[in-house]
Amino acid sequence: MERFGAEANTDGASFKVIMQKSGKTFEIAPGETINDKLNEHGIDVPVSCQSGVCGTCLTPVLDGVPDHRDFVQTDLEKASNKRMAVCCSHRNLRH
């Protein structure tokens, strides 16, 4: 399968991500992805498409409600909030 499209939408308010193992907290600014911030701090997350279509960067969610902006998970998977695509998803501030 081949997909064409624009860059992932990274608009939205800033939010914090807390890493479970290290306890480190990172502020994700508008226009920035979780993956961008982790890479900036030497934390390597496997990514491929960087637009939410491949699923390579799906990462477990331990708390909070993501604003799923990926195209790889089904509606049911997104509703479970068990994983999020750190290349494009954000925190859902409506919950």
PDB file of N, CA and C in Angstrom:
ATOM      1  N   MET A   1       0.842  -1.174   0.000  1.00  0.00           N
ATOM      2  CA  MET A   1       0.000   0.000   0.000  1.00  0.00           C
ATOM      3  C   MET A   1       0.886   1.235   0.000  1.00  0.00           C
ATOM      4  N   GLU A   2       0.429   2.259  -0.648  1.00  0.00           N
ATOM      5  CA  GLU A   2       1.170   3.507  -0.700  1.00  0.00           C
ATOM      6  C   GLU A   2       0.212   4.642  -0.389  1.00  0.00           C
ATOM      7  N   ARG A   3       0.653   5.574   0.459  1.00  0.00           N
ATOM      8  CA  ARG A   3      -0.190   6.712   0.813  1.00  0.00           C
ATOM      9  C   ARG A   3       0.573   7.995   0.533  1.00  0.00           C
ATOM     10  N   PHE A   4      -0.178   9.017   0.154  1.00  0.00           N
ATOM     11  CA  PHE A   4       0.405  10.321  -0.090  1.00  0.00           C
ATOM     12  C   PHE A   4      -0.350  11.324   0.751  1.00  0.00           C
ATOM     13  N   GLY A   5       0.330  12.324   1.262  1.00  0.00           N
ATOM     14  CA  GLY A   5      -0.364  13.329   2.052  1.00  0.00           C
ATOM     15  C   GLY A   5       0.589  14.344   2.621  1.00  0.00           C
ATOM     16  N   ALA A   6       0.016  15.247   3.389  1.00  0.00           N
ATOM     17  CA  ALA A   6       0.797  16.313   4.008  1.00  0.00           C
ATOM     18  C   ALA A   6       1.404  15.831   5.313  1.00  0.00           C
ATOM     19  N   GLU A   7       2.212  16.697   5.914  1.00  0.00           N
ATOM     20  CA  GLU A   7       2.794  16.383   7.212  1.00  0.00           C
ATOM     21  C   GLU A   7       1.696  16.228   8.252  1.00  0.00           C
ATOM     22  N   ALA A   8       2.035  15.537   9.338  1.00  0.00           N
ATOM     23  CA  ALA A   8       1.079  15.339  10.421  1.00  0.00           C
ATOM     24  C   ALA A   8       0.711  16.672  11.052  1.00  0.00           C
ATOM     25  N   ASN A   9      -0.541  16.805  11.448  1.00  0.00           N
ATOM     26  CA  ASN A   9      -1.024  18.000  12.135  1.00  0.00           C
ATOM     27  C   ASN A   9      -0.521  17.971  13.578  1.00  0.00           C
ATOM     28  N   THR A  10       0.284  18.939  13.956  1.00  0.00           N
ATOM     29  CA  THR A  10       0.808  18.994  15.319  1.00  0.00           C
ATOM     30  C   THR A  10       0.311  20.235  16.047  1.00  0.00           C
ATOM     31  N   ASP A  11      -0.801  20.809  15.563  1.00  0.00           N
ATOM     32  CA  ASP A  11      -1.399  21.957  16.238  1.00  0.00           C
ATOM     33  C   ASP A  11      -1.980  21.533  17.573  1.00  0.00           C
ATOM     34  N   GLY A  12      -2.164  22.491  18.455  1.00  0.00           N
ATOM     35  CA  GLY A  12      -2.791  22.210  19.747  1.00  0.00           C
ATOM     36  C   GLY A  12      -1.999  22.829  20.875  1.00  0.00           C
ATOM     37  N   ALA A  13      -2.560  22.753  22.063  1.00  0.00           N
ATOM     38  CA  ALA A  13      -1.918  23.305  23.253  1.00  0.00           C
ATOM     39  C   ALA A  13      -0.744  22.432  23.690  1.00  0.00           C
ATOM     40  N   SER A  14       0.152  23.020  24.463  1.00  0.00           N
ATOM     41  CA  SER A  14       1.263  22.243  24.999  1.00  0.00           C
ATOM     42  C   SER A  14       0.738  21.257  26.047  1.00  0.00           C
ATOM     43  N   PHE A  15       1.489  20.209  26.275  1.00  0.00           N
ATOM     44  CA  PHE A  15       1.124  19.204  27.279  1.00  0.00           C
ATOM     45  C   PHE A  15       2.386  18.506  27.756  1.00  0.00           C
ATOM     46  N   LYS A  16       2.270  17.762  28.853  1.00  0.00           N
ATOM     47  CA  LYS A  16       3.422  17.060  29.421  1.00  0.00           C
ATOM     48  C   LYS A  16       3.322  15.568  29.168  1.00  0.00           C
ATOM     49  N   VAL A  17       4.476  14.968  28.946  1.00  0.00           N
ATOM     50  CA  VAL A  17       4.604  13.527  28.807  1.00  0.00           C
ATOM     51  C   VAL A  17       5.553  13.063  29.904  1.00  0.00           C
ATOM     52  N   ILE A  18       5.152  12.039  30.636  1.00  0.00           N
ATOM     53  CA  ILE A  18       5.989  11.484  31.698  1.00  0.00           C
ATOM     54  C   ILE A  18       6.418  10.085  31.273  1.00  0.00           C
ATOM     55  N   MET A  19       7.711   9.860  31.283  1.00  0.00           N
ATOM     56  CA  MET A  19       8.263   8.563  30.923  1.00  0.00           C
ATOM     57  C   MET A  19       8.219   7.655  32.148  1.00  0.00           C
ATOM     58  N   GLN A  20       7.618   6.470  32.023  1.00  0.00           N
ATOM     59  CA  GLN A  20       7.425   5.594  33.173  1.00  0.00           C
ATOM     60  C   GLN A  20       8.741   5.115  33.780  1.00  0.00           C
ATOM     61  N   LYS A  21       9.633   4.577  32.983  1.00  0.00           N
ATOM     62  CA  LYS A  21      10.856   3.972  33.524  1.00  0.00           C
ATOM     63  C   LYS A  21      11.796   4.998  34.149  1.00  0.00           C
ATOM     64  N   SER A  22      12.008   6.116  33.475  1.00  0.00           N
ATOM     65  CA  SER A  22      12.976   7.105  33.957  1.00  0.00           C
ATOM     66  C   SER A  22      12.346   8.149  34.866  1.00  0.00           C
ATOM     67  N   GLY A  23      11.021   8.331  34.770  1.00  0.00           N
ATOM     68  CA  GLY A  23      10.347   9.371  35.537  1.00  0.00           C
ATOM     69  C   GLY A  23      10.562  10.764  34.965  1.00  0.00           C
ATOM     70  N   LYS A  24      11.246  10.864  33.832  1.00  0.00           N
ATOM     71  CA  LYS A  24      11.486  12.167  33.209  1.00  0.00           C
ATOM     72  C   LYS A  24      10.184  12.730  32.657  1.00  0.00           C
ATOM     73  N   THR A  25      10.043  14.054  32.756  1.00  0.00           N
ATOM     74  CA  THR A  25       8.871  14.750  32.247  1.00  0.00           C
ATOM     75  C   THR A  25       9.310  15.699  31.144  1.00  0.00           C
ATOM     76  N   PHE A  26       8.565  15.695  30.053  1.00  0.00           N
ATOM     77  CA  PHE A  26       8.865  16.557  28.926  1.00  0.00           C
ATOM     78  C   PHE A  26       7.633  17.367  28.557  1.00  0.00           C
ATOM     79  N   GLU A  27       7.854  18.642  28.277  1.00  0.00           N
ATOM     80  CA  GLU A  27       6.790  19.537  27.802  1.00  0.00           C
ATOM     81  C   GLU A  27       6.791  19.499  26.281  1.00  0.00           C
ATOM     82  N   ILE A  28       5.651  19.133  25.709  1.00  0.00           N
ATOM     83  CA  ILE A  28       5.514  19.080  24.255  1.00  0.00           C
ATOM     84  C   ILE A  28       4.826  20.370  23.812  1.00  0.00           C
ATOM     85  N   ALA A  29       5.531  21.179  23.069  1.00  0.00           N
ATOM     86  CA  ALA A  29       5.027  22.485  22.642  1.00  0.00           C
ATOM     87  C   ALA A  29       4.141  22.345  21.403  1.00  0.00           C
ATOM     88  N   PRO A  30       3.290  23.344  21.151  1.00  0.00           N
ATOM     89  CA  PRO A  30       2.508  23.341  19.907  1.00  0.00           C
ATOM     90  C   PRO A  30       3.462  23.251  18.709  1.00  0.00           C
ATOM     91  N   GLY A  31       3.097  22.450  17.730  1.00  0.00           N
ATOM     92  CA  GLY A  31       3.935  22.289  16.549  1.00  0.00           C
ATOM     93  C   GLY A  31       5.033  21.252  16.712  1.00  0.00           C
ATOM     94  N   GLU A  32       5.129  20.634  17.876  1.00  0.00           N
ATOM     95  CA  GLU A  32       6.167  19.652  18.172  1.00  0.00           C
ATOM     96  C   GLU A  32       5.507  18.297  18.407  1.00  0.00           C
ATOM     97  N   THR A  33       6.177  17.230  18.036  1.00  0.00           N
ATOM     98  CA  THR A  33       5.655  15.899  18.325  1.00  0.00           C
ATOM     99  C   THR A  33       6.356  15.321  19.549  1.00  0.00           C
ATOM    100  N   ILE A  34       5.737  14.329  20.146  1.00  0.00           N
ATOM    101  CA  ILE A  34       6.358  13.637  21.274  1.00  0.00           C
ATOM    102  C   ILE A  34       7.686  13.050  20.813  1.00  0.00           C
ATOM    103  N   ASN A  35       7.682  12.466  19.632  1.00  0.00           N
ATOM    104  CA  ASN A  35       8.909  11.877  19.104  1.00  0.00           C
ATOM    105  C   ASN A  35      10.019  12.917  18.940  1.00  0.00           C
ATOM    106  N   ASP A  36       9.674  14.125  18.464  1.00  0.00           N
ATOM    107  CA  ASP A  36      10.674  15.197  18.342  1.00  0.00           C
ATOM    108  C   ASP A  36      11.344  15.451  19.679  1.00  0.00           C
ATOM    109  N   LYS A  37      10.522  15.600  20.722  1.00  0.00           N
ATOM    110  CA  LYS A  37      11.051  15.935  22.047  1.00  0.00           C
ATOM    111  C   LYS A  37      11.902  14.793  22.600  1.00  0.00           C
ATOM    112  N   LEU A  38      11.447  13.554  22.432  1.00  0.00           N
ATOM    113  CA  LEU A  38      12.226  12.420  22.935  1.00  0.00           C
ATOM    114  C   LEU A  38      13.571  12.327  22.226  1.00  0.00           C
ATOM    115  N   ASN A  39      13.563  12.496  20.910  1.00  0.00           N
ATOM    116  CA  ASN A  39      14.821  12.471  20.156  1.00  0.00           C
ATOM    117  C   ASN A  39      15.765  13.573  20.610  1.00  0.00           C
ATOM    118  N   GLU A  40      15.221  14.747  20.896  1.00  0.00           N
ATOM    119  CA  GLU A  40      16.020  15.882  21.375  1.00  0.00           C
ATOM    120  C   GLU A  40      16.771  15.530  22.659  1.00  0.00           C
ATOM    121  N   HIS A  41      16.191  14.617  23.440  1.00  0.00           N
ATOM    122  CA  HIS A  41      16.798  14.223  24.715  1.00  0.00           C
ATOM    123  C   HIS A  41      17.444  12.839  24.661  1.00  0.00           C
ATOM    124  N   GLY A  42      17.736  12.374  23.447  1.00  0.00           N
ATOM    125  CA  GLY A  42      18.473  11.127  23.285  1.00  0.00           C
ATOM    126  C   GLY A  42      17.664   9.860  23.493  1.00  0.00           C
ATOM    127  N   ILE A  43      16.346   9.964  23.453  1.00  0.00           N
ATOM    128  CA  ILE A  43      15.492   8.788  23.604  1.00  0.00           C
ATOM    129  C   ILE A  43      15.012   8.394  22.217  1.00  0.00           C
ATOM    130  N   ASP A  44      15.445   7.214  21.782  1.00  0.00           N
ATOM    131  CA  ASP A  44      15.157   6.758  20.426  1.00  0.00           C
ATOM    132  C   ASP A  44      13.873   5.942  20.395  1.00  0.00           C
ATOM    133  N   VAL A  45      12.912   6.400  19.607  1.00  0.00           N
ATOM    134  CA  VAL A  45      11.661   5.675  19.374  1.00  0.00           C
ATOM    135  C   VAL A  45      11.664   5.262  17.906  1.00  0.00           C
ATOM    136  N   PRO A  46      11.434   3.984  17.637  1.00  0.00           N
ATOM    137  CA  PRO A  46      11.382   3.572  16.232  1.00  0.00           C
ATOM    138  C   PRO A  46      10.245   4.282  15.500  1.00  0.00           C
ATOM    139  N   VAL A  47      10.559   4.921  14.396  1.00  0.00           N
ATOM    140  CA  VAL A  47       9.559   5.584  13.550  1.00  0.00           C
ATOM    141  C   VAL A  47       9.873   5.252  12.096  1.00  0.00           C
ATOM    142  N   SER A  48       8.869   5.398  11.266  1.00  0.00           N
ATOM    143  CA  SER A  48       9.081   5.195   9.846  1.00  0.00           C
ATOM    144  C   SER A  48       8.431   6.319   9.052  1.00  0.00           C
ATOM    145  N   CYS A  49       7.113   6.358   9.022  1.00  0.00           N
ATOM    146  CA  CYS A  49       6.417   7.316   8.162  1.00  0.00           C
ATOM    147  C   CYS A  49       6.365   8.728   8.744  1.00  0.00           C
ATOM    148  N   GLN A  50       6.335   8.858  10.050  1.00  0.00           N
ATOM    149  CA  GLN A  50       6.214  10.121  10.775  1.00  0.00           C
ATOM    150  C   GLN A  50       4.964  10.904  10.409  1.00  0.00           C
ATOM    151  N   SER A  51       3.930  10.185   9.963  1.00  0.00           N
ATOM    152  CA  SER A  51       2.654  10.836   9.670  1.00  0.00           C
ATOM    153  C   SER A  51       1.460  10.004  10.128  1.00  0.00           C
ATOM    154  N   GLY A  52       1.705   8.952  10.903  1.00  0.00           N
ATOM    155  CA  GLY A  52       0.616   8.185  11.492  1.00  0.00           C
ATOM    156  C   GLY A  52      -0.027   7.135  10.617  1.00  0.00           C
ATOM    157  N   VAL A  53       0.677   6.645   9.605  1.00  0.00           N
ATOM    158  CA  VAL A  53       0.072   5.636   8.741  1.00  0.00           C
ATOM    159  C   VAL A  53       0.703   4.250   8.861  1.00  0.00           C
ATOM    160  N   CYS A  54       1.860   4.138   9.498  1.00  0.00           N
ATOM    161  CA  CYS A  54       2.535   2.834   9.501  1.00  0.00           C
ATOM    162  C   CYS A  54       2.415   2.060  10.815  1.00  0.00           C
ATOM    163  N   GLY A  55       2.313   2.738  11.940  1.00  0.00           N
ATOM    164  CA  GLY A  55       2.200   2.064  13.229  1.00  0.00           C
ATOM    165  C   GLY A  55       3.519   1.718  13.891  1.00  0.00           C
ATOM    166  N   THR A  56       4.628   2.061  13.273  1.00  0.00           N
ATOM    167  CA  THR A  56       5.937   1.733  13.835  1.00  0.00           C
ATOM    168  C   THR A  56       6.136   2.350  15.216  1.00  0.00           C
ATOM    169  N   CYS A  57       5.644   3.553  15.434  1.00  0.00           N
ATOM    170  CA  CYS A  57       5.901   4.272  16.688  1.00  0.00           C
ATOM    171  C   CYS A  57       4.783   4.115  17.726  1.00  0.00           C
ATOM    172  N   LEU A  58       3.841   3.196  17.523  1.00  0.00           N
ATOM    173  CA  LEU A  58       2.779   3.013  18.513  1.00  0.00           C
ATOM    174  C   LEU A  58       3.396   2.665  19.859  1.00  0.00           C
ATOM    175  N   THR A  59       3.017   3.421  20.866  1.00  0.00           N
ATOM    176  CA  THR A  59       3.616   3.345  22.198  1.00  0.00           C
ATOM    177  C   THR A  59       2.502   3.201  23.237  1.00  0.00           C
ATOM    178  N   PRO A  60       2.716   2.381  24.274  1.00  0.00           N
ATOM    179  CA  PRO A  60       1.686   2.218  25.305  1.00  0.00           C
ATOM    180  C   PRO A  60       1.357   3.534  26.004  1.00  0.00           C
ATOM    181  N   VAL A  61       0.074   3.716  26.310  1.00  0.00           N
ATOM    182  CA  VAL A  61      -0.406   4.862  27.082  1.00  0.00           C
ATOM    183  C   VAL A  61      -0.762   4.341  28.461  1.00  0.00           C
ATOM    184  N   LEU A  62      -0.150   4.895  29.488  1.00  0.00           N
ATOM    185  CA  LEU A  62      -0.400   4.437  30.848  1.00  0.00           C
ATOM    186  C   LEU A  62      -1.457   5.271  31.560  1.00  0.00           C
ATOM    187  N   ASP A  63      -1.591   6.536  31.152  1.00  0.00           N
ATOM    188  CA  ASP A  63      -2.570   7.417  31.780  1.00  0.00           C
ATOM    189  C   ASP A  63      -2.887   8.546  30.805  1.00  0.00           C
ATOM    190  N   GLY A  64      -4.066   9.085  30.910  1.00  0.00           N
ATOM    191  CA  GLY A  64      -4.465  10.188  30.050  1.00  0.00           C
ATOM    192  C   GLY A  64      -5.220   9.704  28.827  1.00  0.00           C
ATOM    193  N   VAL A  65      -5.765  10.663  28.100  1.00  0.00           N
ATOM    194  CA  VAL A  65      -6.556  10.374  26.908  1.00  0.00           C
ATOM    195  C   VAL A  65      -5.885  11.043  25.716  1.00  0.00           C
ATOM    196  N   PRO A  66      -5.298  10.254  24.825  1.00  0.00           N
ATOM    197  CA  PRO A  66      -4.638  10.845  23.659  1.00  0.00           C
ATOM    198  C   PRO A  66      -5.629  11.420  22.653  1.00  0.00           C
ATOM    199  N   ASP A  67      -5.172  12.410  21.922  1.00  0.00           N
ATOM    200  CA  ASP A  67      -5.883  12.919  20.752  1.00  0.00           C
ATOM    201  C   ASP A  67      -5.266  12.158  19.581  1.00  0.00           C
ATOM    202  N   HIS A  68      -5.880  11.050  19.222  1.00  0.00           N
ATOM    203  CA  HIS A  68      -5.327  10.174  18.192  1.00  0.00           C
ATOM    204  C   HIS A  68      -5.400  10.838  16.830  1.00  0.00           C
ATOM    205  N   ARG A  69      -4.237  11.036  16.232  1.00  0.00           N
ATOM    206  CA  ARG A  69      -4.174  11.649  14.911  1.00  0.00           C
ATOM    207  C   ARG A  69      -3.576  10.695  13.883  1.00  0.00           C
ATOM    208  N   ASP A  70      -3.480   9.432  14.285  1.00  0.00           N
ATOM    209  CA  ASP A  70      -2.935   8.435  13.360  1.00  0.00           C
ATOM    210  C   ASP A  70      -4.047   7.856  12.489  1.00  0.00           C
ATOM    211  N   PHE A  71      -3.631   7.162  11.442  1.00  0.00           N
ATOM    212  CA  PHE A  71      -4.563   6.532  10.511  1.00  0.00           C
ATOM    213  C   PHE A  71      -4.417   5.020  10.515  1.00  0.00           C
ATOM    214  N   VAL A  72      -3.618   4.494  11.430  1.00  0.00           N
ATOM    215  CA  VAL A  72      -3.329   3.063  11.426  1.00  0.00           C
ATOM    216  C   VAL A  72      -4.204   2.283  12.405  1.00  0.00           C
ATOM    217  N   GLN A  73      -4.590   2.889  13.505  1.00  0.00           N
ATOM    218  CA  GLN A  73      -5.421   2.187  14.471  1.00  0.00           C
ATOM    219  C   GLN A  73      -6.899   2.248  14.063  1.00  0.00           C
ATOM    220  N   THR A  74      -7.625   1.207  14.420  1.00  0.00           N
ATOM    221  CA  THR A  74      -9.065   1.202  14.166  1.00  0.00           C
ATOM    222  C   THR A  74      -9.736   2.128  15.181  1.00  0.00           C
ATOM    223  N   ASP A  75     -10.991   2.459  14.942  1.00  0.00           N
ATOM    224  CA  ASP A  75     -11.742   3.289  15.890  1.00  0.00           C
ATOM    225  C   ASP A  75     -11.800   2.620  17.261  1.00  0.00           C
ATOM    226  N   LEU A  76     -11.950   1.310  17.289  1.00  0.00           N
ATOM    227  CA  LEU A  76     -12.002   0.568  18.550  1.00  0.00           C
ATOM    228  C   LEU A  76     -10.665   0.656  19.296  1.00  0.00           C
ATOM    229  N   GLU A  77      -9.573   0.522  18.564  1.00  0.00           N
ATOM    230  CA  GLU A  77      -8.248   0.635  19.179  1.00  0.00           C
ATOM    231  C   GLU A  77      -8.024   2.039  19.732  1.00  0.00           C
ATOM    232  N   LYS A  78      -8.429   3.037  18.981  1.00  0.00           N
ATOM    233  CA  LYS A  78      -8.290   4.410  19.459  1.00  0.00           C
ATOM    234  C   LYS A  78      -9.127   4.635  20.706  1.00  0.00           C
ATOM    235  N   ALA A  79     -10.339   4.123  20.730  1.00  0.00           N
ATOM    236  CA  ALA A  79     -11.231   4.298  21.873  1.00  0.00           C
ATOM    237  C   ALA A  79     -10.690   3.624  23.133  1.00  0.00           C
ATOM    238  N   SER A  80      -9.896   2.576  22.976  1.00  0.00           N
ATOM    239  CA  SER A  80      -9.326   1.881  24.136  1.00  0.00           C
ATOM    240  C   SER A  80      -8.224   2.701  24.804  1.00  0.00           C
ATOM    241  N   ASN A  81      -7.612   3.638  24.059  1.00  0.00           N
ATOM    242  CA  ASN A  81      -6.531   4.493  24.555  1.00  0.00           C
ATOM    243  C   ASN A  81      -5.365   3.701  25.135  1.00  0.00           C
ATOM    244  N   LYS A  82      -5.115   2.523  24.598  1.00  0.00           N
ATOM    245  CA  LYS A  82      -4.005   1.693  25.075  1.00  0.00           C
ATOM    246  C   LYS A  82      -2.673   2.058  24.426  1.00  0.00           C
ATOM    247  N   ARG A  83      -2.735   2.564  23.181  1.00  0.00           N
ATOM    248  CA  ARG A  83      -1.510   2.933  22.472  1.00  0.00           C
ATOM    249  C   ARG A  83      -1.756   4.221  21.691  1.00  0.00           C
ATOM    250  N   MET A  84      -0.657   4.952  21.452  1.00  0.00           N
ATOM    251  CA  MET A  84      -0.746   6.156  20.632  1.00  0.00           C
ATOM    252  C   MET A  84       0.468   6.246  19.725  1.00  0.00           C
ATOM    253  N   ALA A  85       0.284   6.902  18.599  1.00  0.00           N
ATOM    254  CA  ALA A  85       1.375   7.120  17.651  1.00  0.00           C
ATOM    255  C   ALA A  85       2.109   8.394  18.072  1.00  0.00           C
ATOM    256  N   VAL A  86       3.315   8.234  18.630  1.00  0.00           N
ATOM    257  CA  VAL A  86       4.046   9.390  19.159  1.00  0.00           C
ATOM    258  C   VAL A  86       4.616  10.286  18.057  1.00  0.00           C
ATOM    259  N   CYS A  87       4.461   9.879  16.796  1.00  0.00           N
ATOM    260  CA  CYS A  87       4.921  10.728  15.691  1.00  0.00           C
ATOM    261  C   CYS A  87       3.917  11.824  15.361  1.00  0.00           C
ATOM    262  N   CYS A  88       2.655  11.669  15.817  1.00  0.00           N
ATOM    263  CA  CYS A  88       1.652  12.639  15.389  1.00  0.00           C
ATOM    264  C   CYS A  88       0.553  12.922  16.415  1.00  0.00           C
ATOM    265  N   SER A  89       0.323  12.061  17.373  1.00  0.00           N
ATOM    266  CA  SER A  89      -0.790  12.245  18.305  1.00  0.00           C
ATOM    267  C   SER A  89      -0.434  13.203  19.430  1.00  0.00           C
ATOM    268  N   HIS A  90      -1.452  13.746  20.050  1.00  0.00           N
ATOM    269  CA  HIS A  90      -1.290  14.713  21.131  1.00  0.00           C
ATOM    270  C   HIS A  90      -2.146  14.310  22.311  1.00  0.00           C
ATOM    271  N   ARG A  91      -2.183  15.144  23.324  1.00  0.00           N
ATOM    272  CA  ARG A  91      -3.039  14.901  24.473  1.00  0.00           C
ATOM    273  C   ARG A  91      -4.378  15.552  24.204  1.00  0.00           C
ATOM    274  N   ASN A  92      -5.438  14.837  24.510  1.00  0.00           N
ATOM    275  CA  ASN A  92      -6.780  15.348  24.315  1.00  0.00           C
ATOM    276  C   ASN A  92      -7.154  16.187  25.533  1.00  0.00           C
ATOM    277  N   LEU A  93      -7.275  17.488  25.363  1.00  0.00           N
ATOM    278  CA  LEU A  93      -7.563  18.384  26.479  1.00  0.00           C
ATOM    279  C   LEU A  93      -9.052  18.481  26.775  1.00  0.00           C
ATOM    280  N   ARG A  94      -9.865  17.793  26.009  1.00  0.00           N
ATOM    281  CA  ARG A  94     -11.303  17.825  26.242  1.00  0.00           C
ATOM    282  C   ARG A  94     -11.720  16.867  27.336  1.00  0.00           C
ATOM    283  N   HIS A  95     -10.854  15.978  27.786  1.00  0.00           N
ATOM    284  CA  HIS A  95     -11.211  14.995  28.810  1.00  0.00           C
ATOM    285  C   HIS A  95     -10.556  15.329  30.128  1.00  0.00           C
TER     286      HIS A  95
END
